[in-house]
């Protein structure tokens, strides 16, 4: 057996391995304390890159879902307004039918026209005042909404709402007008003949209201499907990120326990290695 006192290989080797075990145990402690397997790029450079990309995409999808929900809110506000317009148009039609009855005289029809004009004014206010976040939904030039529904560029849905306006006459005998999209009508019930024509006009504009309502409802259905897909992708992206970034506590605790045992045994062996040079003293007796 070779005995040297100027260099203790066994002690140095044991000390080196003890430092390695300590470094591994410190990494395990860090991971168990943070819950992350990757705390810095040095832990897993490629894994960090992929995990960060997945996180960015999931955050983007979360905001995109909120954008889509805003689009649904726009559609719901518009549909609610059109439902009110539909109800008012039915009231107007009932009055036009009343005016078309030959039991009425022109003076009575002027009173009915006045009532209709007030109802048209209510429709005008609905079209003018219906808005989302200060942006008018039915006004000319302001009724296009571009919804960015996805987590990438150019993932947009354009909601094109038809322009809708109404103009109520100020006096009793003057007719009122309603325009939805490319269809405009005049409502004049000041004579029996005009009242008959007004009934047909009102039927046409009610059809336009229903068509616009259906168009907006289709946007809502599409956005709801997009939200479902966004949420599915977001959940899967976050799960993929979690598998890469987060620590498996069961596995890491096992590694920590192993390193703890190695640390204790290494410390004991270092003490033993440090005793070896003292054997030289046995030869000097």
C-alpha atoms as a PDB file:
ATOM      1  CA  UNK A   1       0.000   0.000   0.000  1.00  0.00           C
ATOM      2  CA  UNK A   2       1.455   3.390  -1.027  1.00  0.00           C
ATOM      3  CA  UNK A   3       1.268   6.058   1.650  1.00  0.00           C
ATOM      4  CA  UNK A   4       1.843   9.750   0.850  1.00  0.00           C
ATOM      5  CA  UNK A   5       1.340  12.832   2.976  1.00  0.00           C
ATOM      6  CA  UNK A   6       1.854  15.645   0.410  1.00  0.00           C
ATOM      7  CA  UNK A   7      -1.243  14.664  -1.633  1.00  0.00           C
ATOM      8  CA  UNK A   8      -4.258  12.732  -0.420  1.00  0.00           C
ATOM      9  CA  UNK A   9      -5.946  11.455  -3.603  1.00  0.00           C
ATOM     10  CA  UNK A  10      -8.738   9.679  -1.709  1.00  0.00           C
ATOM     11  CA  UNK A  11      -9.618  12.846   0.204  1.00  0.00           C
ATOM     12  CA  UNK A  12      -9.485  15.047  -2.914  1.00  0.00           C
ATOM     13  CA  UNK A  13     -11.593  12.626  -4.977  1.00  0.00           C
ATOM     14  CA  UNK A  14     -14.149  12.244  -2.188  1.00  0.00           C
ATOM     15  CA  UNK A  15     -14.285  16.017  -1.743  1.00  0.00           C
ATOM     16  CA  UNK A  16     -14.838  16.525  -5.492  1.00  0.00           C
ATOM     17  CA  UNK A  17     -17.748  14.083  -5.533  1.00  0.00           C
ATOM     18  CA  UNK A  18     -19.133  15.658  -2.369  1.00  0.00           C
ATOM     19  CA  UNK A  19     -19.206  19.045  -4.148  1.00  0.00           C
ATOM     20  CA  UNK A  20     -21.017  17.477  -7.116  1.00  0.00           C
ATOM     21  CA  UNK A  21     -23.579  15.925  -4.810  1.00  0.00           C
ATOM     22  CA  UNK A  22     -24.041  19.256  -3.027  1.00  0.00           C
ATOM     23  CA  UNK A  23     -24.632  21.041  -6.351  1.00  0.00           C
ATOM     24  CA  UNK A  24     -27.230  18.448  -7.378  1.00  0.00           C
ATOM     25  CA  UNK A  25     -28.939  18.679  -4.000  1.00  0.00           C
ATOM     26  CA  UNK A  26     -29.048  22.494  -4.260  1.00  0.00           C
ATOM     27  CA  UNK A  27     -30.659  22.192  -7.705  1.00  0.00           C
ATOM     28  CA  UNK A  28     -33.248  19.809  -6.303  1.00  0.00           C
ATOM     29  CA  UNK A  29     -33.931  22.215  -3.423  1.00  0.00           C
ATOM     30  CA  UNK A  30     -34.365  25.084  -5.884  1.00  0.00           C
ATOM     31  CA  UNK A  31     -36.778  23.092  -8.023  1.00  0.00           C
ATOM     32  CA  UNK A  32     -38.788  21.920  -5.031  1.00  0.00           C
ATOM     33  CA  UNK A  33     -38.917  25.481  -3.670  1.00  0.00           C
ATOM     34  CA  UNK A  34     -40.046  27.106  -6.956  1.00  0.00           C
ATOM     35  CA  UNK A  35     -42.046  24.262  -8.480  1.00  0.00           C
ATOM     36  CA  UNK A  36     -40.146  24.733 -11.738  1.00  0.00           C
ATOM     37  CA  UNK A  37     -37.848  22.234 -13.400  1.00  0.00           C
ATOM     38  CA  UNK A  38     -36.385  25.074 -15.475  1.00  0.00           C
ATOM     39  CA  UNK A  39     -35.422  28.147 -13.465  1.00  0.00           C
ATOM     40  CA  UNK A  40     -32.833  29.488 -15.901  1.00  0.00           C
ATOM     41  CA  UNK A  41     -31.692  28.814 -19.466  1.00  0.00           C
ATOM     42  CA  UNK A  42     -28.742  26.786 -18.164  1.00  0.00           C
ATOM     43  CA  UNK A  43     -31.169  24.206 -16.740  1.00  0.00           C
ATOM     44  CA  UNK A  44     -32.547  23.337 -20.200  1.00  0.00           C
ATOM     45  CA  UNK A  45     -31.968  25.919 -22.952  1.00  0.00           C
ATOM     46  CA  UNK A  46     -34.111  24.214 -25.594  1.00  0.00           C
ATOM     47  CA  UNK A  47     -36.823  23.401 -23.088  1.00  0.00           C
ATOM     48  CA  UNK A  48     -36.938  27.025 -21.879  1.00  0.00           C
ATOM     49  CA  UNK A  49     -37.307  28.272 -25.453  1.00  0.00           C
ATOM     50  CA  UNK A  50     -40.183  25.899 -26.226  1.00  0.00           C
ATOM     51  CA  UNK A  51     -41.889  26.557 -22.878  1.00  0.00           C
ATOM     52  CA  UNK A  52     -41.683  30.331 -23.363  1.00  0.00           C
ATOM     53  CA  UNK A  53     -43.134  30.058 -26.871  1.00  0.00           C
ATOM     54  CA  UNK A  54     -46.012  27.963 -25.573  1.00  0.00           C
ATOM     55  CA  UNK A  55     -46.641  30.410 -22.737  1.00  0.00           C
ATOM     56  CA  UNK A  56     -46.672  33.378 -25.130  1.00  0.00           C
ATOM     57  CA  UNK A  57     -49.145  31.568 -27.381  1.00  0.00           C
ATOM     58  CA  UNK A  58     -51.455  30.622 -24.506  1.00  0.00           C
ATOM     59  CA  UNK A  59     -51.424  34.227 -23.187  1.00  0.00           C
ATOM     60  CA  UNK A  60     -52.214  35.449 -26.727  1.00  0.00           C
ATOM     61  CA  UNK A  61     -55.108  33.003 -27.032  1.00  0.00           C
ATOM     62  CA  UNK A  62     -56.481  34.158 -23.695  1.00  0.00           C
ATOM     63  CA  UNK A  63     -56.597  37.763 -24.927  1.00  0.00           C
ATOM     64  CA  UNK A  64     -57.980  36.635 -28.287  1.00  0.00           C
ATOM     65  CA  UNK A  65     -60.812  34.904 -26.454  1.00  0.00           C
ATOM     66  CA  UNK A  66     -61.591  38.154 -24.632  1.00  0.00           C
ATOM     67  CA  UNK A  67     -61.597  39.939 -28.006  1.00  0.00           C
ATOM     68  CA  UNK A  68     -64.043  37.365 -29.355  1.00  0.00           C
ATOM     69  CA  UNK A  69     -66.228  37.791 -26.285  1.00  0.00           C
ATOM     70  CA  UNK A  70     -66.324  41.530 -27.044  1.00  0.00           C
ATOM     71  CA  UNK A  71     -67.513  40.624 -30.536  1.00  0.00           C
ATOM     72  CA  UNK A  72     -70.273  38.495 -29.027  1.00  0.00           C
ATOM     73  CA  UNK A  73     -71.243  41.423 -26.800  1.00  0.00           C
ATOM     74  CA  UNK A  74     -71.510  43.653 -29.882  1.00  0.00           C
ATOM     75  CA  UNK A  75     -73.730  41.061 -31.566  1.00  0.00           C
ATOM     76  CA  UNK A  76     -75.935  40.701 -28.479  1.00  0.00           C
ATOM     77  CA  UNK A  77     -76.362  44.472 -28.121  1.00  0.00           C
ATOM     78  CA  UNK A  78     -77.266  44.770 -31.806  1.00  0.00           C
ATOM     79  CA  UNK A  79     -79.736  41.879 -31.639  1.00  0.00           C
ATOM     80  CA  UNK A  80     -81.392  43.347 -28.546  1.00  0.00           C
ATOM     81  CA  UNK A  81     -81.808  46.703 -30.321  1.00  0.00           C
ATOM     82  CA  UNK A  82     -83.251  45.037 -33.428  1.00  0.00           C
ATOM     83  CA  UNK A  83     -85.709  43.062 -31.294  1.00  0.00           C
ATOM     84  CA  UNK A  84     -86.990  46.354 -29.889  1.00  0.00           C
ATOM     85  CA  UNK A  85     -87.212  47.811 -33.404  1.00  0.00           C
ATOM     86  CA  UNK A  86     -89.143  44.719 -34.527  1.00  0.00           C
ATOM     87  CA  UNK A  87     -91.673  45.182 -31.717  1.00  0.00           C
ATOM     88  CA  UNK A  88     -92.110  48.871 -32.564  1.00  0.00           C
ATOM     89  CA  UNK A  89     -92.578  48.070 -36.260  1.00  0.00           C
ATOM     90  CA  UNK A  90     -95.377  45.676 -35.331  1.00  0.00           C
ATOM     91  CA  UNK A  91     -97.034  48.527 -33.431  1.00  0.00           C
ATOM     92  CA  UNK A  92     -96.591  50.765 -36.476  1.00  0.00           C
ATOM     93  CA  UNK A  93     -98.088  48.103 -38.744  1.00  0.00           C
ATOM     94  CA  UNK A  94    -101.100  47.765 -36.461  1.00  0.00           C
ATOM     95  CA  UNK A  95    -101.663  51.521 -36.722  1.00  0.00           C
ATOM     96  CA  UNK A  96    -101.226  51.415 -40.513  1.00  0.00           C
ATOM     97  CA  UNK A  97    -103.881  48.686 -40.697  1.00  0.00           C
ATOM     98  CA  UNK A  98    -106.102  50.843 -38.504  1.00  0.00           C
ATOM     99  CA  UNK A  99    -105.605  53.783 -40.894  1.00  0.00           C
ATOM    100  CA  UNK A 100    -106.330  51.567 -43.912  1.00  0.00           C
ATOM    101  CA  UNK A 101    -109.803  50.815 -42.594  1.00  0.00           C
ATOM    102  CA  UNK A 102    -112.349  52.880 -44.476  1.00  0.00           C
ATOM    103  CA  UNK A 103    -114.156  53.731 -41.250  1.00  0.00           C
ATOM    104  CA  UNK A 104    -111.433  56.323 -40.593  1.00  0.00           C
ATOM    105  CA  UNK A 105    -111.488  59.837 -42.010  1.00  0.00           C
ATOM    106  CA  UNK A 106    -108.412  61.848 -43.009  1.00  0.00           C
ATOM    107  CA  UNK A 107    -108.402  63.809 -39.758  1.00  0.00           C
ATOM    108  CA  UNK A 108    -108.211  60.596 -37.756  1.00  0.00           C
ATOM    109  CA  UNK A 109    -105.520  59.288 -40.063  1.00  0.00           C
ATOM    110  CA  UNK A 110    -103.437  62.393 -39.378  1.00  0.00           C
ATOM    111  CA  UNK A 111    -103.620  61.616 -35.671  1.00  0.00           C
ATOM    112  CA  UNK A 112    -102.568  58.022 -36.412  1.00  0.00           C
ATOM    113  CA  UNK A 113     -99.726  59.402 -38.574  1.00  0.00           C
ATOM    114  CA  UNK A 114     -98.621  61.506 -35.624  1.00  0.00           C
ATOM    115  CA  UNK A 115     -98.505  58.402 -33.409  1.00  0.00           C
ATOM    116  CA  UNK A 116     -96.522  56.560 -36.093  1.00  0.00           C
ATOM    117  CA  UNK A 117     -94.064  59.448 -36.381  1.00  0.00           C
ATOM    118  CA  UNK A 118     -93.393  59.237 -32.643  1.00  0.00           C
ATOM    119  CA  UNK A 119     -92.768  55.520 -32.932  1.00  0.00           C
ATOM    120  CA  UNK A 120     -90.399  56.091 -35.850  1.00  0.00           C
ATOM    121  CA  UNK A 121     -88.598  58.682 -33.735  1.00  0.00           C
ATOM    122  CA  UNK A 122     -88.114  55.992 -31.085  1.00  0.00           C
ATOM    123  CA  UNK A 123     -86.628  53.702 -33.758  1.00  0.00           C
ATOM    124  CA  UNK A 124     -84.354  56.560 -34.854  1.00  0.00           C
ATOM    125  CA  UNK A 125     -83.070  56.959 -31.309  1.00  0.00           C
ATOM    126  CA  UNK A 126     -82.436  53.199 -31.016  1.00  0.00           C
ATOM    127  CA  UNK A 127     -80.385  53.195 -34.234  1.00  0.00           C
ATOM    128  CA  UNK A 128     -78.454  56.313 -33.197  1.00  0.00           C
ATOM    129  CA  UNK A 129     -77.849  55.431 -29.549  1.00  0.00           C
ATOM    130  CA  UNK A 130     -76.991  51.730 -29.841  1.00  0.00           C
ATOM    131  CA  UNK A 131     -73.233  51.471 -29.319  1.00  0.00           C
ATOM    132  CA  UNK A 132     -70.387  49.424 -27.882  1.00  0.00           C
ATOM    133  CA  UNK A 133     -67.603  51.200 -26.020  1.00  0.00           C
ATOM    134  CA  UNK A 134     -68.650  54.516 -27.578  1.00  0.00           C
ATOM    135  CA  UNK A 135     -68.694  53.170 -31.141  1.00  0.00           C
ATOM    136  CA  UNK A 136     -72.041  53.277 -32.893  1.00  0.00           C
ATOM    137  CA  UNK A 137     -73.279  49.954 -34.244  1.00  0.00           C
ATOM    138  CA  UNK A 138     -75.808  51.115 -36.874  1.00  0.00           C
ATOM    139  CA  UNK A 139     -74.554  54.580 -37.869  1.00  0.00           C
ATOM    140  CA  UNK A 140     -73.113  55.078 -41.379  1.00  0.00           C
ATOM    141  CA  UNK A 141     -69.327  54.665 -41.573  1.00  0.00           C
ATOM    142  CA  UNK A 142     -69.000  53.291 -38.044  1.00  0.00           C
ATOM    143  CA  UNK A 143     -70.705  49.927 -38.314  1.00  0.00           C
ATOM    144  CA  UNK A 144     -67.715  47.684 -39.163  1.00  0.00           C
ATOM    145  CA  UNK A 145     -65.994  45.803 -36.345  1.00  0.00           C
ATOM    146  CA  UNK A 146     -62.775  43.865 -36.959  1.00  0.00           C
ATOM    147  CA  UNK A 147     -62.375  41.207 -34.264  1.00  0.00           C
ATOM    148  CA  UNK A 148     -58.856  39.814 -33.774  1.00  0.00           C
ATOM    149  CA  UNK A 149     -59.888  36.361 -32.629  1.00  0.00           C
ATOM    150  CA  UNK A 150     -56.586  34.418 -32.730  1.00  0.00           C
ATOM    151  CA  UNK A 151     -53.128  34.327 -31.209  1.00  0.00           C
ATOM    152  CA  UNK A 152     -51.331  35.010 -34.509  1.00  0.00           C
ATOM    153  CA  UNK A 153     -51.292  37.856 -36.986  1.00  0.00           C
ATOM    154  CA  UNK A 154     -54.085  38.267 -39.561  1.00  0.00           C
ATOM    155  CA  UNK A 155     -56.518  36.079 -37.590  1.00  0.00           C
ATOM    156  CA  UNK A 156     -59.471  38.445 -37.835  1.00  0.00           C
ATOM    157  CA  UNK A 157     -63.219  38.357 -38.352  1.00  0.00           C
ATOM    158  CA  UNK A 158     -64.913  41.406 -39.873  1.00  0.00           C
ATOM    159  CA  UNK A 159     -68.412  42.034 -38.527  1.00  0.00           C
ATOM    160  CA  UNK A 160     -70.230  44.157 -41.077  1.00  0.00           C
ATOM    161  CA  UNK A 161     -73.494  45.534 -39.691  1.00  0.00           C
ATOM    162  CA  UNK A 162     -75.862  47.215 -42.126  1.00  0.00           C
ATOM    163  CA  UNK A 163     -76.429  50.929 -41.749  1.00  0.00           C
ATOM    164  CA  UNK A 164     -79.831  51.605 -40.215  1.00  0.00           C
ATOM    165  CA  UNK A 165     -81.477  55.007 -39.913  1.00  0.00           C
ATOM    166  CA  UNK A 166     -84.926  56.433 -39.346  1.00  0.00           C
ATOM    167  CA  UNK A 167     -86.276  59.935 -39.830  1.00  0.00           C
ATOM    168  CA  UNK A 168     -89.475  60.952 -38.107  1.00  0.00           C
ATOM    169  CA  UNK A 169     -91.548  63.790 -39.531  1.00  0.00           C
ATOM    170  CA  UNK A 170     -92.073  66.792 -37.299  1.00  0.00           C
ATOM    171  CA  UNK A 171     -95.703  67.474 -38.178  1.00  0.00           C
ATOM    172  CA  UNK A 172     -98.820  65.349 -38.206  1.00  0.00           C
ATOM    173  CA  UNK A 173     -99.381  64.915 -41.941  1.00  0.00           C
ATOM    174  CA  UNK A 174     -95.776  64.414 -43.113  1.00  0.00           C
ATOM    175  CA  UNK A 175     -94.516  60.853 -43.717  1.00  0.00           C
ATOM    176  CA  UNK A 176     -91.616  59.222 -41.871  1.00  0.00           C
ATOM    177  CA  UNK A 177     -88.844  57.107 -43.392  1.00  0.00           C
ATOM    178  CA  UNK A 178     -86.863  54.065 -42.250  1.00  0.00           C
ATOM    179  CA  UNK A 179     -83.764  52.700 -44.021  1.00  0.00           C
ATOM    180  CA  UNK A 180     -82.024  49.414 -43.239  1.00  0.00           C
ATOM    181  CA  UNK A 181     -79.146  48.459 -45.485  1.00  0.00           C
ATOM    182  CA  UNK A 182     -80.165  49.201 -49.075  1.00  0.00           C
ATOM    183  CA  UNK A 183     -83.886  49.125 -48.339  1.00  0.00           C
ATOM    184  CA  UNK A 184     -85.677  52.358 -47.496  1.00  0.00           C
ATOM    185  CA  UNK A 185     -89.390  52.835 -46.954  1.00  0.00           C
ATOM    186  CA  UNK A 186     -91.814  55.653 -46.449  1.00  0.00           C
ATOM    187  CA  UNK A 187     -94.642  55.383 -43.954  1.00  0.00           C
ATOM    188  CA  UNK A 188     -97.580  57.588 -44.901  1.00  0.00           C
ATOM    189  CA  UNK A 189    -101.088  56.719 -43.668  1.00  0.00           C
ATOM    190  CA  UNK A 190    -102.806  60.038 -44.339  1.00  0.00           C
ATOM    191  CA  UNK A 191    -105.145  58.384 -46.855  1.00  0.00           C
ATOM    192  CA  UNK A 192    -106.665  54.952 -47.213  1.00  0.00           C
ATOM    193  CA  UNK A 193    -104.609  54.221 -50.357  1.00  0.00           C
ATOM    194  CA  UNK A 194    -101.379  55.415 -48.774  1.00  0.00           C
ATOM    195  CA  UNK A 195    -102.099  53.376 -45.654  1.00  0.00           C
ATOM    196  CA  UNK A 196    -102.454  50.205 -47.761  1.00  0.00           C
ATOM    197  CA  UNK A 197     -99.089  50.908 -49.361  1.00  0.00           C
ATOM    198  CA  UNK A 198     -97.566  51.642 -45.956  1.00  0.00           C
ATOM    199  CA  UNK A 199     -98.581  48.156 -44.729  1.00  0.00           C
ATOM    200  CA  UNK A 200     -96.580  46.545 -47.574  1.00  0.00           C
ATOM    201  CA  UNK A 201     -93.626  48.868 -46.881  1.00  0.00           C
ATOM    202  CA  UNK A 202     -93.612  47.953 -43.217  1.00  0.00           C
ATOM    203  CA  UNK A 203     -93.679  44.243 -44.074  1.00  0.00           C
ATOM    204  CA  UNK A 204     -90.598  44.785 -46.273  1.00  0.00           C
ATOM    205  CA  UNK A 205     -88.665  46.637 -43.598  1.00  0.00           C
ATOM    206  CA  UNK A 206     -89.574  43.984 -40.996  1.00  0.00           C
ATOM    207  CA  UNK A 207     -88.018  41.407 -43.334  1.00  0.00           C
ATOM    208  CA  UNK A 208     -84.881  43.556 -43.476  1.00  0.00           C
ATOM    209  CA  UNK A 209     -84.769  43.688 -39.680  1.00  0.00           C
ATOM    210  CA  UNK A 210     -85.042  39.905 -39.517  1.00  0.00           C
ATOM    211  CA  UNK A 211     -82.333  39.438 -42.159  1.00  0.00           C
ATOM    212  CA  UNK A 212     -79.969  41.811 -40.348  1.00  0.00           C
ATOM    213  CA  UNK A 213     -80.727  40.087 -37.049  1.00  0.00           C
ATOM    214  CA  UNK A 214     -79.952  36.698 -38.633  1.00  0.00           C
ATOM    215  CA  UNK A 215     -76.691  38.038 -40.090  1.00  0.00           C
ATOM    216  CA  UNK A 216     -75.556  39.354 -36.714  1.00  0.00           C
ATOM    217  CA  UNK A 217     -76.637  36.107 -35.055  1.00  0.00           C
ATOM    218  CA  UNK A 218     -74.425  34.197 -37.508  1.00  0.00           C
ATOM    219  CA  UNK A 219     -71.446  36.290 -36.414  1.00  0.00           C
ATOM    220  CA  UNK A 220     -72.226  35.390 -32.801  1.00  0.00           C
ATOM    221  CA  UNK A 221     -72.398  31.654 -33.603  1.00  0.00           C
ATOM    222  CA  UNK A 222     -69.056  31.846 -35.444  1.00  0.00           C
ATOM    223  CA  UNK A 223     -67.394  33.692 -32.558  1.00  0.00           C
ATOM    224  CA  UNK A 224     -68.733  31.173 -30.037  1.00  0.00           C
ATOM    225  CA  UNK A 225     -67.159  28.341 -32.063  1.00  0.00           C
ATOM    226  CA  UNK A 226     -63.897  30.288 -32.275  1.00  0.00           C
ATOM    227  CA  UNK A 227     -63.877  30.781 -28.501  1.00  0.00           C
ATOM    228  CA  UNK A 228     -64.367  27.047 -27.989  1.00  0.00           C
ATOM    229  CA  UNK A 229     -61.399  26.316 -30.252  1.00  0.00           C
ATOM    230  CA  UNK A 230     -59.277  29.043 -28.612  1.00  0.00           C
ATOM    231  CA  UNK A 231     -59.909  27.654 -25.144  1.00  0.00           C
ATOM    232  CA  UNK A 232     -59.126  24.118 -26.294  1.00  0.00           C
ATOM    233  CA  UNK A 233     -55.830  25.258 -27.827  1.00  0.00           C
ATOM    234  CA  UNK A 234     -54.968  27.387 -24.787  1.00  0.00           C
ATOM    235  CA  UNK A 235     -55.520  24.505 -22.370  1.00  0.00           C
ATOM    236  CA  UNK A 236     -53.400  22.155 -24.475  1.00  0.00           C
ATOM    237  CA  UNK A 237     -50.637  24.752 -24.884  1.00  0.00           C
ATOM    238  CA  UNK A 238     -50.540  25.388 -21.135  1.00  0.00           C
ATOM    239  CA  UNK A 239     -50.451  21.657 -20.461  1.00  0.00           C
ATOM    240  CA  UNK A 240     -47.547  21.252 -22.897  1.00  0.00           C
ATOM    241  CA  UNK A 241     -45.717  24.152 -21.244  1.00  0.00           C
ATOM    242  CA  UNK A 242     -46.342  22.663 -17.803  1.00  0.00           C
ATOM    243  CA  UNK A 243     -44.850  19.321 -18.798  1.00  0.00           C
ATOM    244  CA  UNK A 244     -41.684  21.087 -19.951  1.00  0.00           C
ATOM    245  CA  UNK A 245     -41.302  23.824 -17.348  1.00  0.00           C
ATOM    246  CA  UNK A 246     -42.765  22.457 -14.115  1.00  0.00           C
ATOM    247  CA  UNK A 247     -41.092  19.963 -11.822  1.00  0.00           C
ATOM    248  CA  UNK A 248     -42.363  16.447 -11.169  1.00  0.00           C
ATOM    249  CA  UNK A 249     -42.381  16.598  -7.370  1.00  0.00           C
ATOM    250  CA  UNK A 250     -42.392  12.830  -6.879  1.00  0.00           C
ATOM    251  CA  UNK A 251     -39.358  12.353  -9.132  1.00  0.00           C
ATOM    252  CA  UNK A 252     -37.500  15.385  -7.775  1.00  0.00           C
ATOM    253  CA  UNK A 253     -38.121  14.406  -4.155  1.00  0.00           C
ATOM    254  CA  UNK A 254     -36.676  11.003  -4.980  1.00  0.00           C
ATOM    255  CA  UNK A 255     -33.563  12.665  -6.437  1.00  0.00           C
ATOM    256  CA  UNK A 256     -33.284  14.979  -3.439  1.00  0.00           C
ATOM    257  CA  UNK A 257     -33.460  12.049  -1.002  1.00  0.00           C
ATOM    258  CA  UNK A 258     -30.793  10.188  -3.017  1.00  0.00           C
ATOM    259  CA  UNK A 259     -28.498  13.231  -2.973  1.00  0.00           C
ATOM    260  CA  UNK A 260     -29.126  13.742   0.728  1.00  0.00           C
ATOM    261  CA  UNK A 261     -27.983  10.174   1.444  1.00  0.00           C
ATOM    262  CA  UNK A 262     -24.952  10.611  -0.830  1.00  0.00           C
ATOM    263  CA  UNK A 263     -24.129  13.866   0.972  1.00  0.00           C
ATOM    264  CA  UNK A 264     -24.193  12.165   4.353  1.00  0.00           C
ATOM    265  CA  UNK A 265     -22.186   9.143   3.178  1.00  0.00           C
ATOM    266  CA  UNK A 266     -19.735  11.387   1.301  1.00  0.00           C
ATOM    267  CA  UNK A 267     -19.114  13.469   4.401  1.00  0.00           C
ATOM    268  CA  UNK A 268     -18.445  10.310   6.395  1.00  0.00           C
ATOM    269  CA  UNK A 269     -16.066   8.993   3.709  1.00  0.00           C
ATOM    270  CA  UNK A 270     -14.234  12.319   3.561  1.00  0.00           C
ATOM    271  CA  UNK A 271     -13.538  12.019   7.273  1.00  0.00           C
ATOM    272  CA  UNK A 272     -12.195   8.518   6.697  1.00  0.00           C
ATOM    273  CA  UNK A 273     -10.029   9.635   3.776  1.00  0.00           C
ATOM    274  CA  UNK A 274      -8.551  12.404   5.858  1.00  0.00           C
ATOM    275  CA  UNK A 275      -7.372   9.776   8.375  1.00  0.00           C
ATOM    276  CA  UNK A 276      -5.342   7.766   5.813  1.00  0.00           C
ATOM    277  CA  UNK A 277      -2.140   9.884   5.913  1.00  0.00           C
ATOM    278  CA  UNK A 278      -1.944   9.275   9.676  1.00  0.00           C
ATOM    279  CA  UNK A 279      -0.986   5.652   8.874  1.00  0.00           C
ATOM    280  CA  UNK A 280       2.430   7.028   8.001  1.00  0.00           C
ATOM    281  CA  UNK A 281       2.978   7.596  11.701  1.00  0.00           C
ATOM    282  CA  UNK A 282       2.745   3.829  12.242  1.00  0.00           C
ATOM    283  CA  UNK A 283       5.802   3.399  10.048  1.00  0.00           C
ATOM    284  CA  UNK A 284       7.783   6.022  11.986  1.00  0.00           C
ATOM    285  CA  UNK A 285       7.466   4.307  15.350  1.00  0.00           C
END
